[in-house]
Amino acid sequence: MGFYRDGNFWGASESFDQVLRLDPRNHQAWYYTALALSTQKAYLPRAVEAAARACELNPVSSDYLKL
């Protein structure tokens, strides 16, 4: 989360990717991956996929539906 809080969204997405390699069902990592990638226009398709995965894993989170 340090990268994300510091505005280093690329570093944040890399960190969240590491978490997802260890735990691909971590809905929070998918959510924060989506947020980090959504700041980079070239990665919007990946951000949408990450948001969709977060919603699949935790469909009751209203925060995820706002993405």
Protein backbone atom coordinates (compact mmCIF):
# COMPACT_ATOMS: atom_id res chain seq x y z
CA MET A 1 0.00 0.00 0.00
CA GLY A 2 2.97 2.33 0.46
CA PHE A 3 3.47 2.73 -3.29
CA TYR A 4 -0.22 3.44 -3.75
CA ARG A 5 -0.35 6.05 -0.96
CA ASP A 6 2.76 7.73 -2.41
CA GLY A 7 1.15 8.00 -5.84
CA ASN A 8 3.50 5.43 -7.40
CA PHE A 9 0.70 3.54 -9.13
CA TRP A 10 3.00 1.47 -11.31
CA GLY A 11 4.92 0.27 -8.26
CA ALA A 12 1.64 -0.40 -6.50
CA SER A 13 0.30 -2.52 -9.35
CA GLU A 14 3.53 -4.53 -9.34
CA SER A 15 3.19 -5.13 -5.59
CA PHE A 16 -0.43 -6.18 -5.94
CA ASP A 17 0.58 -8.56 -8.75
CA GLN A 18 2.97 -10.23 -6.31
CA VAL A 19 0.16 -10.65 -3.79
CA LEU A 20 -2.09 -12.12 -6.47
CA ARG A 21 0.55 -14.65 -7.48
CA LEU A 22 0.49 -15.91 -3.90
CA ASP A 23 -3.26 -15.58 -3.39
CA PRO A 24 -5.26 -15.21 -6.61
CA ARG A 25 -8.52 -15.06 -4.65
CA ASN A 26 -7.52 -11.92 -2.72
CA HIS A 27 -10.35 -9.60 -3.69
CA GLN A 28 -8.70 -6.56 -2.08
CA ALA A 29 -5.56 -7.02 -4.16
CA TRP A 30 -7.71 -7.21 -7.30
CA TYR A 31 -9.55 -4.04 -6.23
CA TYR A 32 -6.37 -2.07 -5.57
CA THR A 33 -4.83 -3.39 -8.78
CA ALA A 34 -7.83 -1.98 -10.62
CA LEU A 35 -7.46 1.38 -8.89
CA ALA A 36 -3.74 1.58 -9.59
CA LEU A 37 -4.05 0.55 -13.23
CA SER A 38 -7.00 2.86 -13.86
CA THR A 39 -4.66 5.84 -13.44
CA GLN A 40 -2.74 4.74 -16.54
CA LYS A 41 -4.72 5.05 -19.76
CA ALA A 42 -2.76 2.31 -21.52
CA TYR A 43 -3.76 -0.16 -18.80
CA LEU A 44 -7.49 0.58 -18.62
CA PRO A 45 -8.46 -2.81 -20.14
CA ARG A 46 -6.45 -4.58 -17.43
CA ALA A 47 -8.00 -2.31 -14.79
CA VAL A 48 -11.49 -3.30 -15.96
CA GLU A 49 -10.56 -6.99 -15.79
CA ALA A 50 -9.15 -6.55 -12.27
CA ALA A 51 -12.29 -4.71 -11.13
CA ALA A 52 -14.48 -7.45 -12.56
CA ARG A 53 -12.46 -10.09 -10.74
CA ALA A 54 -12.74 -8.18 -7.44
CA CYS A 55 -16.51 -8.04 -7.91
CA GLU A 56 -16.67 -11.76 -8.70
CA LEU A 57 -14.76 -12.63 -5.55
CA ASN A 58 -16.64 -10.24 -3.26
CA PRO A 59 -19.94 -9.27 -4.90
CA VAL A 60 -21.33 -7.58 -1.78
CA SER A 61 -18.73 -4.79 -1.68
CA SER A 62 -20.35 -1.57 -2.82
CA ASP A 63 -16.90 0.03 -3.19
CA TYR A 64 -15.98 -2.44 -5.91
CA LEU A 65 -19.13 -1.69 -7.87
CA LYS A 66 -18.18 2.00 -8.00
CA LEU A 67 -15.14 1.29 -10.15
